[in-house]
């Protein structure tokens, strides 16, 4: 059984959302044991957004049943859409397949730009219409290999609001999506069990 790791390393010099600090690691090596003290945000690296991330009184990650974080998935190749929008017309040919899955992964190829200045701009994002169209399916989550479901410059976060309002989780900063099969597969992305979590790093695999 082959398992594909879709997760970036968490380390001090990693890419983070503009305006937030990189993780801080403090090594502890005393009295015969080793430990690592980490200071980082819940939206660091490959991570998951809960509805509570931007919607008051919405569900936190720890309020979902554990099966919310695993299910059948498919990936759509969006690598030809640099600096363009992912529209409903682009997604419509996949409608029957999307109806059968729990997680939709969007492969923009942007994971190849990880830890470069180019990672933060010009990546393809959903139109608000396409985001709303996806809410008609029984999706548990939408995953992507970019830093956000919205452009970094759009602080209104319209796609986040549309998707999270419908309790569709967002998994950002995935990697290795080009290694996934063209058919359906099992996707797993378990967050840390943090009380009242607005988000969490995940170990995403398929």
N, C-alpha and C. Protein backbone atom coordinates (compact mmCIF):
# COMPACT_ATOMS: atom_id res chain seq x y z
N UNK A 1 0.85 -1.19 0.00
CA UNK A 1 0.00 0.00 0.00
C UNK A 1 0.88 1.24 0.00
N UNK A 2 0.77 2.06 -1.03
CA UNK A 2 1.58 3.27 -1.13
C UNK A 2 0.84 4.44 -0.48
N UNK A 3 1.54 5.17 0.37
CA UNK A 3 0.98 6.36 1.00
C UNK A 3 1.80 7.57 0.55
N UNK A 4 1.12 8.60 0.09
CA UNK A 4 1.78 9.82 -0.40
C UNK A 4 1.64 10.90 0.65
N UNK A 5 2.77 11.45 1.08
CA UNK A 5 2.78 12.53 2.07
C UNK A 5 2.52 13.85 1.35
N UNK A 6 1.51 14.57 1.78
CA UNK A 6 1.10 15.83 1.15
C UNK A 6 1.38 17.03 2.05
N UNK A 7 2.34 16.87 2.97
CA UNK A 7 2.55 17.82 4.05
C UNK A 7 3.94 18.45 3.99
N UNK A 8 4.00 19.77 4.16
CA UNK A 8 5.28 20.46 4.27
C UNK A 8 5.87 20.30 5.67
N UNK A 9 7.20 20.34 5.76
CA UNK A 9 7.86 20.38 7.07
C UNK A 9 7.51 21.69 7.79
N UNK A 10 7.38 21.62 9.10
CA UNK A 10 7.31 22.82 9.93
C UNK A 10 8.72 23.09 10.45
N UNK A 11 9.24 24.27 10.15
CA UNK A 11 10.60 24.63 10.57
C UNK A 11 10.71 26.14 10.66
N UNK A 12 11.75 26.64 11.33
CA UNK A 12 11.83 28.08 11.59
C UNK A 12 11.89 28.96 10.34
N UNK A 13 12.47 28.48 9.25
CA UNK A 13 12.64 29.34 8.07
C UNK A 13 11.60 29.06 6.99
N UNK A 14 10.42 28.63 7.38
CA UNK A 14 9.39 28.24 6.42
C UNK A 14 8.55 29.44 5.97
N UNK A 15 7.82 29.23 4.88
CA UNK A 15 6.89 30.25 4.39
C UNK A 15 5.70 30.36 5.35
N UNK A 16 5.29 31.59 5.64
CA UNK A 16 4.11 31.83 6.47
C UNK A 16 3.28 32.93 5.81
N UNK A 17 2.02 33.02 6.20
CA UNK A 17 1.15 34.04 5.62
C UNK A 17 1.71 35.43 5.93
N UNK A 18 1.73 36.32 4.95
CA UNK A 18 2.29 37.66 5.17
C UNK A 18 1.70 38.35 6.40
N UNK A 19 2.57 38.85 7.25
CA UNK A 19 2.14 39.54 8.46
C UNK A 19 2.21 38.69 9.71
N UNK A 20 2.44 37.39 9.57
CA UNK A 20 2.60 36.52 10.74
C UNK A 20 4.06 36.11 10.88
N UNK A 21 4.45 35.76 12.10
CA UNK A 21 5.83 35.39 12.35
C UNK A 21 6.08 33.92 12.01
N UNK A 22 7.31 33.63 11.64
CA UNK A 22 7.71 32.25 11.41
C UNK A 22 7.77 31.51 12.75
N UNK A 23 7.69 30.19 12.72
CA UNK A 23 7.80 29.43 13.97
C UNK A 23 9.13 29.68 14.67
N UNK A 24 9.09 29.60 15.98
CA UNK A 24 10.30 29.73 16.79
C UNK A 24 10.51 28.40 17.50
N UNK A 25 11.68 27.81 17.29
CA UNK A 25 12.03 26.55 17.94
C UNK A 25 13.08 26.80 19.02
N UNK A 26 12.88 26.21 20.17
CA UNK A 26 13.86 26.27 21.25
C UNK A 26 14.19 24.85 21.68
N UNK A 27 15.43 24.44 21.45
CA UNK A 27 15.84 23.09 21.83
C UNK A 27 16.15 23.02 23.32
N UNK A 28 15.65 21.99 23.94
CA UNK A 28 15.90 21.75 25.36
C UNK A 28 16.63 20.42 25.49
N UNK A 29 17.80 20.44 26.07
CA UNK A 29 18.62 19.23 26.20
C UNK A 29 19.26 19.24 27.58
N UNK A 30 18.51 18.78 28.57
CA UNK A 30 19.00 18.81 29.95
C UNK A 30 18.64 17.51 30.65
N UNK A 31 19.46 17.14 31.61
CA UNK A 31 19.19 16.01 32.51
C UNK A 31 18.83 14.73 31.76
N UNK A 32 19.47 14.53 30.60
CA UNK A 32 19.33 13.26 29.91
C UNK A 32 18.15 13.12 28.98
N UNK A 33 17.41 14.19 28.72
CA UNK A 33 16.31 14.10 27.76
C UNK A 33 16.34 15.30 26.81
N UNK A 34 15.68 15.14 25.69
CA UNK A 34 15.59 16.21 24.70
C UNK A 34 14.14 16.54 24.43
N UNK A 35 13.89 17.82 24.23
CA UNK A 35 12.54 18.29 23.97
C UNK A 35 12.64 19.54 23.10
N UNK A 36 11.57 19.83 22.37
CA UNK A 36 11.56 20.99 21.50
C UNK A 36 10.37 21.87 21.87
N UNK A 37 10.66 23.09 22.28
CA UNK A 37 9.60 24.06 22.55
C UNK A 37 9.31 24.83 21.27
N UNK A 38 8.05 24.81 20.84
CA UNK A 38 7.68 25.47 19.58
C UNK A 38 6.66 26.57 19.84
N UNK A 39 6.88 27.71 19.19
CA UNK A 39 5.91 28.80 19.20
C UNK A 39 5.46 29.01 17.76
N UNK A 40 4.19 28.75 17.49
CA UNK A 40 3.70 28.86 16.12
C UNK A 40 2.20 29.11 16.13
N UNK A 41 1.69 29.56 15.00
CA UNK A 41 0.27 29.82 14.84
C UNK A 41 -0.47 28.54 14.45
N UNK A 42 -1.77 28.52 14.69
CA UNK A 42 -2.57 27.36 14.31
C UNK A 42 -2.71 27.23 12.80
N UNK A 43 -2.36 28.28 12.07
CA UNK A 43 -2.46 28.23 10.60
C UNK A 43 -1.06 28.23 9.98
N UNK A 44 -0.18 27.45 10.57
CA UNK A 44 1.19 27.32 10.11
C UNK A 44 1.33 26.10 9.20
N UNK A 45 2.06 26.28 8.10
CA UNK A 45 2.36 25.15 7.21
C UNK A 45 1.12 24.54 6.60
N UNK A 46 1.17 23.24 6.35
CA UNK A 46 0.00 22.52 5.86
C UNK A 46 -1.00 22.45 7.00
N UNK A 47 -2.12 23.14 6.83
CA UNK A 47 -3.04 23.30 7.96
C UNK A 47 -4.49 23.31 7.50
N UNK A 48 -5.37 23.29 8.46
CA UNK A 48 -6.81 23.27 8.21
C UNK A 48 -7.47 24.47 8.86
N UNK A 49 -8.41 25.08 8.13
CA UNK A 49 -9.22 26.17 8.67
C UNK A 49 -10.56 25.63 9.16
N UNK A 50 -10.93 25.98 10.37
CA UNK A 50 -12.26 25.66 10.89
C UNK A 50 -13.22 26.80 10.56
N UNK A 51 -14.52 26.56 10.55
CA UNK A 51 -15.47 27.66 10.35
C UNK A 51 -15.25 28.80 11.34
N UNK A 52 -14.87 28.47 12.57
CA UNK A 52 -14.65 29.48 13.61
C UNK A 52 -13.49 30.42 13.27
N UNK A 53 -12.66 30.04 12.32
CA UNK A 53 -11.52 30.88 11.91
C UNK A 53 -11.99 32.29 11.54
N UNK A 54 -13.14 32.39 10.88
CA UNK A 54 -13.61 33.72 10.45
C UNK A 54 -15.09 33.97 10.74
N UNK A 55 -15.80 32.99 11.29
CA UNK A 55 -17.23 33.14 11.54
C UNK A 55 -17.49 33.02 13.04
N UNK A 56 -18.03 34.06 13.64
CA UNK A 56 -18.31 34.04 15.07
C UNK A 56 -19.30 32.94 15.43
N UNK A 57 -19.04 32.27 16.53
CA UNK A 57 -19.92 31.23 17.06
C UNK A 57 -20.06 30.01 16.15
N UNK A 58 -19.19 29.89 15.16
CA UNK A 58 -19.20 28.71 14.29
C UNK A 58 -18.42 27.57 14.95
N UNK A 59 -18.42 26.42 14.31
CA UNK A 59 -17.78 25.24 14.91
C UNK A 59 -16.26 25.32 14.86
N UNK A 60 -15.65 24.85 15.94
CA UNK A 60 -14.21 24.69 16.01
C UNK A 60 -13.85 23.29 15.55
N UNK A 61 -12.57 23.06 15.26
CA UNK A 61 -12.17 21.75 14.74
C UNK A 61 -12.47 20.62 15.72
N UNK A 62 -12.27 20.87 17.01
CA UNK A 62 -12.49 19.81 17.99
C UNK A 62 -13.97 19.47 18.18
N UNK A 63 -14.85 20.26 17.59
CA UNK A 63 -16.29 20.00 17.69
C UNK A 63 -16.79 19.06 16.60
N UNK A 64 -15.94 18.76 15.62
CA UNK A 64 -16.33 17.86 14.54
C UNK A 64 -16.03 16.41 14.91
N UNK A 65 -16.83 15.46 14.43
CA UNK A 65 -16.49 14.05 14.62
C UNK A 65 -15.23 13.71 13.84
N UNK A 66 -14.51 12.71 14.29
CA UNK A 66 -13.21 12.38 13.71
C UNK A 66 -13.31 11.99 12.23
N UNK A 67 -14.46 11.46 11.82
CA UNK A 67 -14.58 11.05 10.42
C UNK A 67 -14.74 12.23 9.46
N UNK A 68 -14.83 13.44 10.01
CA UNK A 68 -14.86 14.64 9.17
C UNK A 68 -13.54 14.84 8.44
N UNK A 69 -12.47 14.21 8.93
CA UNK A 69 -11.13 14.49 8.44
C UNK A 69 -10.57 13.41 7.51
N UNK A 70 -11.41 12.51 7.06
CA UNK A 70 -10.97 11.47 6.14
C UNK A 70 -12.10 11.11 5.19
N UNK A 71 -11.74 10.70 3.98
CA UNK A 71 -12.77 10.31 3.02
C UNK A 71 -12.20 10.16 1.62
N UNK A 72 -13.07 9.83 0.69
CA UNK A 72 -12.67 9.68 -0.70
C UNK A 72 -12.43 11.06 -1.31
N UNK A 73 -11.45 11.10 -2.21
CA UNK A 73 -11.03 12.39 -2.76
C UNK A 73 -10.67 12.25 -4.23
N UNK A 74 -10.55 13.41 -4.88
CA UNK A 74 -10.03 13.49 -6.24
C UNK A 74 -9.25 14.79 -6.36
N UNK A 75 -8.36 14.85 -7.34
CA UNK A 75 -7.58 16.06 -7.59
C UNK A 75 -7.89 16.56 -8.99
N UNK A 76 -8.02 17.88 -9.12
CA UNK A 76 -8.23 18.52 -10.41
C UNK A 76 -6.98 19.32 -10.75
N UNK A 77 -6.47 19.13 -11.95
CA UNK A 77 -5.27 19.81 -12.42
C UNK A 77 -5.62 21.23 -12.85
N UNK A 78 -5.09 22.21 -12.12
CA UNK A 78 -5.33 23.63 -12.43
C UNK A 78 -4.03 24.33 -12.83
N UNK A 79 -3.03 23.57 -13.23
CA UNK A 79 -1.71 24.15 -13.46
C UNK A 79 -1.64 25.08 -14.66
N UNK A 80 -2.62 25.05 -15.53
CA UNK A 80 -2.64 25.97 -16.67
C UNK A 80 -3.39 27.26 -16.37
N UNK A 81 -3.75 27.47 -15.10
CA UNK A 81 -4.56 28.63 -14.74
C UNK A 81 -3.78 29.67 -13.95
N UNK A 82 -2.48 29.79 -14.18
CA UNK A 82 -1.66 30.78 -13.47
C UNK A 82 -2.26 32.17 -13.62
N UNK A 83 -2.44 32.86 -12.49
CA UNK A 83 -2.98 34.22 -12.46
C UNK A 83 -4.38 34.30 -13.05
N UNK A 84 -5.10 33.19 -13.04
CA UNK A 84 -6.47 33.16 -13.53
C UNK A 84 -7.38 32.64 -12.43
N UNK A 85 -8.68 32.66 -12.72
CA UNK A 85 -9.67 32.18 -11.76
C UNK A 85 -10.14 30.77 -12.11
N UNK A 86 -10.46 30.02 -11.08
CA UNK A 86 -11.07 28.70 -11.26
C UNK A 86 -12.58 28.93 -11.26
N UNK A 87 -13.18 28.81 -12.42
CA UNK A 87 -14.59 29.16 -12.60
C UNK A 87 -15.50 27.94 -12.50
N UNK A 88 -16.78 28.23 -12.42
CA UNK A 88 -17.77 27.15 -12.45
C UNK A 88 -17.69 26.39 -13.77
N UNK A 89 -17.48 27.11 -14.87
CA UNK A 89 -17.36 26.45 -16.18
C UNK A 89 -16.17 25.49 -16.21
N UNK A 90 -15.08 25.86 -15.54
CA UNK A 90 -13.91 24.98 -15.48
C UNK A 90 -14.20 23.72 -14.68
N UNK A 91 -14.96 23.85 -13.61
CA UNK A 91 -15.24 22.72 -12.72
C UNK A 91 -16.40 21.85 -13.20
N UNK A 92 -17.30 22.43 -13.98
CA UNK A 92 -18.53 21.72 -14.37
C UNK A 92 -18.31 20.35 -15.00
N UNK A 93 -17.28 20.16 -15.85
CA UNK A 93 -17.08 18.82 -16.43
C UNK A 93 -16.79 17.73 -15.39
N UNK A 94 -16.41 18.14 -14.19
CA UNK A 94 -16.10 17.17 -13.12
C UNK A 94 -17.29 16.95 -12.18
N UNK A 95 -18.44 17.49 -12.52
CA UNK A 95 -19.58 17.51 -11.59
C UNK A 95 -19.95 16.12 -11.08
N UNK A 96 -20.07 15.15 -11.97
CA UNK A 96 -20.47 13.80 -11.55
C UNK A 96 -19.45 13.18 -10.60
N UNK A 97 -18.17 13.44 -10.85
CA UNK A 97 -17.13 12.89 -9.98
C UNK A 97 -17.11 13.59 -8.63
N UNK A 98 -17.28 14.91 -8.64
CA UNK A 98 -17.30 15.66 -7.38
C UNK A 98 -18.44 15.19 -6.49
N UNK A 99 -19.55 14.81 -7.11
CA UNK A 99 -20.72 14.35 -6.35
C UNK A 99 -20.45 13.05 -5.59
N UNK A 100 -19.40 12.32 -5.97
CA UNK A 100 -19.11 11.03 -5.34
C UNK A 100 -18.06 11.11 -4.23
N UNK A 101 -17.43 12.26 -4.06
CA UNK A 101 -16.28 12.35 -3.16
C UNK A 101 -16.58 13.21 -1.94
N UNK A 102 -15.64 13.19 -0.99
CA UNK A 102 -15.74 14.01 0.22
C UNK A 102 -14.74 15.16 0.23
N UNK A 103 -13.62 14.99 -0.48
CA UNK A 103 -12.58 16.03 -0.52
C UNK A 103 -12.20 16.33 -1.96
N UNK A 104 -12.21 17.62 -2.30
CA UNK A 104 -11.76 18.07 -3.61
C UNK A 104 -10.42 18.77 -3.44
N UNK A 105 -9.39 18.27 -4.13
CA UNK A 105 -8.06 18.86 -4.08
C UNK A 105 -7.78 19.56 -5.39
N UNK A 106 -7.24 20.78 -5.31
CA UNK A 106 -6.95 21.60 -6.48
C UNK A 106 -5.44 21.73 -6.64
N UNK A 107 -4.91 21.18 -7.71
CA UNK A 107 -3.47 21.17 -7.96
C UNK A 107 -3.11 22.31 -8.90
N UNK A 108 -2.57 23.39 -8.34
CA UNK A 108 -2.14 24.53 -9.16
C UNK A 108 -0.67 24.44 -9.53
N UNK A 109 0.05 23.49 -8.92
CA UNK A 109 1.49 23.40 -9.11
C UNK A 109 2.26 24.38 -8.25
N UNK A 110 1.54 25.13 -7.40
CA UNK A 110 2.19 26.19 -6.62
C UNK A 110 3.10 25.66 -5.52
N UNK A 111 2.93 24.38 -5.16
CA UNK A 111 3.82 23.82 -4.13
C UNK A 111 5.28 23.87 -4.57
N UNK A 112 5.53 23.94 -5.88
CA UNK A 112 6.91 24.02 -6.38
C UNK A 112 7.54 25.37 -6.06
N UNK A 113 6.72 26.37 -5.73
CA UNK A 113 7.22 27.71 -5.40
C UNK A 113 7.36 27.92 -3.89
N UNK A 114 7.10 26.87 -3.12
CA UNK A 114 7.17 26.95 -1.65
C UNK A 114 8.49 27.55 -1.20
N UNK A 115 8.44 28.45 -0.23
CA UNK A 115 9.60 29.15 0.33
C UNK A 115 10.29 30.06 -0.68
N UNK A 116 9.54 30.57 -1.65
CA UNK A 116 10.03 31.61 -2.56
C UNK A 116 9.03 32.77 -2.53
N UNK A 117 9.47 33.98 -2.91
CA UNK A 117 8.52 35.12 -2.94
C UNK A 117 7.35 34.89 -3.88
N UNK A 118 7.57 34.09 -4.93
CA UNK A 118 6.51 33.85 -5.92
C UNK A 118 5.34 33.05 -5.33
N UNK A 119 5.55 32.39 -4.21
CA UNK A 119 4.50 31.55 -3.63
C UNK A 119 3.27 32.36 -3.22
N UNK A 120 3.46 33.64 -2.94
CA UNK A 120 2.40 34.44 -2.34
C UNK A 120 1.51 35.17 -3.33
N UNK A 121 1.79 35.08 -4.61
CA UNK A 121 0.98 35.83 -5.57
C UNK A 121 0.70 35.09 -6.85
N UNK A 122 -0.32 35.55 -7.55
CA UNK A 122 -0.68 35.08 -8.90
C UNK A 122 -1.12 33.63 -8.96
N UNK A 123 -1.44 33.02 -7.84
CA UNK A 123 -1.92 31.64 -7.89
C UNK A 123 -3.42 31.64 -8.23
N UNK A 124 -3.88 30.59 -8.90
CA UNK A 124 -5.31 30.54 -9.26
C UNK A 124 -6.18 30.35 -8.03
N UNK A 125 -7.29 31.07 -8.00
CA UNK A 125 -8.25 30.96 -6.90
C UNK A 125 -9.65 30.79 -7.47
N UNK A 126 -10.52 30.24 -6.67
CA UNK A 126 -11.91 30.10 -7.07
C UNK A 126 -12.59 31.45 -7.22
N UNK A 127 -13.49 31.57 -8.18
CA UNK A 127 -14.40 32.70 -8.17
C UNK A 127 -15.41 32.46 -7.05
N UNK A 128 -16.04 33.54 -6.59
CA UNK A 128 -17.07 33.38 -5.56
C UNK A 128 -18.20 32.50 -6.08
N UNK A 129 -18.52 32.62 -7.35
CA UNK A 129 -19.56 31.79 -7.96
C UNK A 129 -19.18 30.31 -7.90
N UNK A 130 -17.91 30.00 -8.20
CA UNK A 130 -17.46 28.61 -8.17
C UNK A 130 -17.45 28.08 -6.74
N UNK A 131 -17.03 28.91 -5.79
CA UNK A 131 -17.05 28.49 -4.39
C UNK A 131 -18.48 28.16 -3.95
N UNK A 132 -19.42 29.01 -4.33
CA UNK A 132 -20.82 28.77 -3.99
C UNK A 132 -21.34 27.50 -4.67
N UNK A 133 -20.94 27.28 -5.92
CA UNK A 133 -21.36 26.09 -6.66
C UNK A 133 -20.89 24.82 -5.95
N UNK A 134 -19.69 24.86 -5.40
CA UNK A 134 -19.15 23.68 -4.71
C UNK A 134 -19.91 23.35 -3.42
N UNK A 135 -20.59 24.34 -2.86
CA UNK A 135 -21.32 24.08 -1.61
C UNK A 135 -22.55 23.20 -1.82
N UNK A 136 -22.95 22.99 -3.06
CA UNK A 136 -24.12 22.13 -3.30
C UNK A 136 -23.77 20.65 -3.18
N UNK A 137 -22.48 20.34 -3.15
CA UNK A 137 -22.05 18.96 -3.02
C UNK A 137 -21.86 18.62 -1.54
N UNK A 138 -21.76 17.35 -1.26
CA UNK A 138 -21.59 16.89 0.13
C UNK A 138 -20.10 16.78 0.47
N UNK A 139 -19.40 17.89 0.29
CA UNK A 139 -17.95 17.90 0.52
C UNK A 139 -17.64 18.11 2.00
N UNK A 140 -16.64 17.37 2.48
CA UNK A 140 -16.11 17.61 3.82
C UNK A 140 -15.05 18.70 3.79
N UNK A 141 -14.30 18.78 2.68
CA UNK A 141 -13.22 19.75 2.62
C UNK A 141 -12.75 20.02 1.22
N UNK A 142 -12.07 21.17 1.07
CA UNK A 142 -11.40 21.55 -0.17
C UNK A 142 -9.93 21.78 0.17
N UNK A 143 -9.04 21.11 -0.55
CA UNK A 143 -7.61 21.23 -0.29
C UNK A 143 -6.89 21.85 -1.47
N UNK A 144 -5.83 22.59 -1.18
CA UNK A 144 -5.09 23.27 -2.22
C UNK A 144 -3.62 23.39 -1.86
N UNK A 145 -2.80 23.59 -2.90
CA UNK A 145 -1.35 23.70 -2.68
C UNK A 145 -0.90 25.15 -2.72
N UNK A 146 -1.78 26.04 -2.29
CA UNK A 146 -1.47 27.47 -2.20
C UNK A 146 -1.69 27.92 -0.76
N UNK A 147 -1.32 29.16 -0.48
CA UNK A 147 -1.37 29.64 0.89
C UNK A 147 -2.76 30.06 1.33
N UNK A 148 -3.68 30.20 0.37
CA UNK A 148 -5.02 30.64 0.74
C UNK A 148 -6.04 30.27 -0.33
N UNK A 149 -7.29 30.13 0.08
CA UNK A 149 -8.39 29.91 -0.85
C UNK A 149 -8.77 31.21 -1.56
N UNK A 150 -8.32 32.33 -1.01
CA UNK A 150 -8.52 33.65 -1.61
C UNK A 150 -7.18 34.28 -1.95
N UNK A 151 -7.15 35.26 -2.85
CA UNK A 151 -5.89 35.97 -3.09
C UNK A 151 -5.38 36.60 -1.79
N UNK A 152 -4.08 36.62 -1.61
CA UNK A 152 -3.49 37.18 -0.39
C UNK A 152 -3.91 38.62 -0.19
N UNK A 153 -4.14 39.35 -1.28
CA UNK A 153 -4.49 40.77 -1.20
C UNK A 153 -5.96 41.02 -0.86
N UNK A 154 -6.79 40.00 -0.90
CA UNK A 154 -8.22 40.17 -0.65
C UNK A 154 -8.54 39.81 0.79
N UNK A 155 -8.48 40.81 1.66
CA UNK A 155 -8.68 40.55 3.08
C UNK A 155 -10.15 40.34 3.46
N UNK A 156 -11.06 40.53 2.50
CA UNK A 156 -12.46 40.23 2.77
C UNK A 156 -12.72 38.73 2.80
N UNK A 157 -11.82 37.96 2.19
CA UNK A 157 -11.88 36.49 2.21
C UNK A 157 -13.25 35.93 1.80
N UNK A 158 -13.75 36.34 0.63
CA UNK A 158 -15.09 35.88 0.23
C UNK A 158 -15.22 34.38 0.11
N UNK A 159 -14.22 33.71 -0.46
CA UNK A 159 -14.31 32.25 -0.62
C UNK A 159 -14.29 31.54 0.73
N UNK A 160 -13.48 32.05 1.65
CA UNK A 160 -13.47 31.48 3.00
C UNK A 160 -14.87 31.55 3.61
N UNK A 161 -15.50 32.71 3.51
CA UNK A 161 -16.83 32.88 4.11
C UNK A 161 -17.85 31.92 3.49
N UNK A 162 -17.83 31.82 2.16
CA UNK A 162 -18.79 30.96 1.47
C UNK A 162 -18.62 29.51 1.87
N UNK A 163 -17.39 29.04 1.84
CA UNK A 163 -17.11 27.63 2.09
C UNK A 163 -17.27 27.26 3.56
N UNK A 164 -16.68 28.06 4.44
CA UNK A 164 -16.72 27.73 5.87
C UNK A 164 -18.12 27.89 6.46
N UNK A 165 -18.91 28.80 5.91
CA UNK A 165 -20.30 28.95 6.36
C UNK A 165 -21.07 27.65 6.16
N UNK A 166 -20.66 26.88 5.15
CA UNK A 166 -21.30 25.61 4.86
C UNK A 166 -20.57 24.42 5.49
N UNK A 167 -19.67 24.73 6.44
CA UNK A 167 -18.91 23.72 7.19
C UNK A 167 -18.10 22.80 6.27
N UNK A 168 -17.62 23.37 5.18
CA UNK A 168 -16.64 22.69 4.34
C UNK A 168 -15.27 23.17 4.79
N UNK A 169 -14.45 22.27 5.28
CA UNK A 169 -13.14 22.63 5.80
C UNK A 169 -12.20 23.02 4.67
N UNK A 170 -11.22 23.85 4.98
CA UNK A 170 -10.22 24.28 4.00
C UNK A 170 -8.86 23.77 4.44
N UNK A 171 -8.17 23.07 3.56
CA UNK A 171 -6.83 22.57 3.85
C UNK A 171 -5.87 23.29 2.91
N UNK A 172 -4.98 24.10 3.47
CA UNK A 172 -4.09 24.95 2.68
C UNK A 172 -2.64 24.48 2.79
N UNK A 173 -1.84 24.91 1.81
CA UNK A 173 -0.41 24.59 1.78
C UNK A 173 -0.13 23.09 1.66
N UNK A 174 -0.92 22.40 0.88
CA UNK A 174 -0.59 21.00 0.57
C UNK A 174 0.58 20.95 -0.39
N UNK A 175 1.19 19.80 -0.52
CA UNK A 175 2.30 19.62 -1.46
C UNK A 175 2.19 18.23 -2.10
N UNK A 176 2.98 18.03 -3.14
CA UNK A 176 3.03 16.72 -3.84
C UNK A 176 1.72 16.31 -4.49
N UNK A 177 0.86 17.27 -4.81
CA UNK A 177 -0.42 16.90 -5.42
C UNK A 177 -0.24 16.30 -6.81
N UNK A 178 0.88 16.60 -7.46
CA UNK A 178 1.15 16.02 -8.78
C UNK A 178 1.46 14.52 -8.69
N UNK A 179 1.69 14.01 -7.48
CA UNK A 179 1.96 12.58 -7.29
C UNK A 179 0.69 11.76 -7.10
N UNK A 180 -0.45 12.42 -7.03
CA UNK A 180 -1.71 11.72 -6.78
C UNK A 180 -2.24 11.06 -8.04
N UNK A 181 -2.97 9.97 -7.90
CA UNK A 181 -3.56 9.30 -9.07
C UNK A 181 -4.69 10.14 -9.67
N UNK A 182 -5.02 9.85 -10.91
CA UNK A 182 -6.06 10.61 -11.60
C UNK A 182 -7.47 10.20 -11.16
N UNK A 183 -7.60 9.02 -10.59
CA UNK A 183 -8.90 8.55 -10.13
C UNK A 183 -9.18 8.95 -8.69
N UNK A 184 -10.09 8.25 -8.06
CA UNK A 184 -10.40 8.52 -6.66
C UNK A 184 -9.40 7.82 -5.74
N UNK A 185 -9.23 8.38 -4.56
CA UNK A 185 -8.31 7.82 -3.57
C UNK A 185 -8.78 8.25 -2.18
N UNK A 186 -8.20 7.65 -1.16
CA UNK A 186 -8.52 8.03 0.22
C UNK A 186 -7.60 9.16 0.67
N UNK A 187 -8.19 10.20 1.23
CA UNK A 187 -7.45 11.36 1.73
C UNK A 187 -7.69 11.48 3.23
N UNK A 188 -6.61 11.75 3.97
CA UNK A 188 -6.70 11.93 5.42
C UNK A 188 -5.94 13.17 5.84
N UNK A 189 -6.53 13.95 6.73
CA UNK A 189 -5.89 15.21 7.16
C UNK A 189 -6.32 15.50 8.60
N UNK A 190 -5.72 14.82 9.53
CA UNK A 190 -6.14 14.91 10.93
C UNK A 190 -5.48 16.10 11.63
N UNK A 191 -6.29 17.00 12.20
CA UNK A 191 -5.73 18.12 12.97
C UNK A 191 -5.37 17.70 14.39
N UNK A 192 -4.57 18.50 15.05
CA UNK A 192 -4.33 18.29 16.47
C UNK A 192 -5.63 18.53 17.23
N UNK A 193 -5.83 17.82 18.31
CA UNK A 193 -7.06 17.96 19.09
C UNK A 193 -6.87 19.09 20.11
N UNK A 194 -6.98 20.32 19.57
CA UNK A 194 -6.78 21.53 20.37
C UNK A 194 -8.15 22.08 20.77
N UNK A 195 -8.31 22.41 22.02
CA UNK A 195 -9.60 22.94 22.48
C UNK A 195 -9.93 24.25 21.78
N UNK A 196 -11.15 24.35 21.28
CA UNK A 196 -11.65 25.56 20.61
C UNK A 196 -10.77 26.00 19.45
N UNK A 197 -10.31 25.04 18.67
CA UNK A 197 -9.34 25.33 17.61
C UNK A 197 -9.98 26.01 16.41
N UNK A 198 -9.45 27.18 16.05
CA UNK A 198 -9.86 27.87 14.83
C UNK A 198 -9.13 27.29 13.61
N UNK A 199 -8.09 26.53 13.87
CA UNK A 199 -7.31 25.87 12.82
C UNK A 199 -6.27 25.00 13.47
N UNK A 200 -5.54 24.26 12.64
CA UNK A 200 -4.49 23.40 13.18
C UNK A 200 -3.60 22.91 12.05
N UNK A 201 -2.29 22.79 12.31
CA UNK A 201 -1.46 22.02 11.38
C UNK A 201 -2.02 20.61 11.24
N UNK A 202 -1.88 20.03 10.07
CA UNK A 202 -2.33 18.66 9.83
C UNK A 202 -1.21 17.86 9.18
N UNK A 203 -1.28 16.54 9.31
CA UNK A 203 -0.44 15.65 8.52
C UNK A 203 -1.36 15.07 7.46
N UNK A 204 -1.28 15.63 6.27
CA UNK A 204 -2.16 15.22 5.18
C UNK A 204 -1.49 14.13 4.35
N UNK A 205 -2.22 13.06 4.10
CA UNK A 205 -1.70 11.95 3.31
C UNK A 205 -2.80 11.40 2.41
N UNK A 206 -2.38 10.66 1.39
CA UNK A 206 -3.34 10.00 0.50
C UNK A 206 -2.76 8.66 0.08
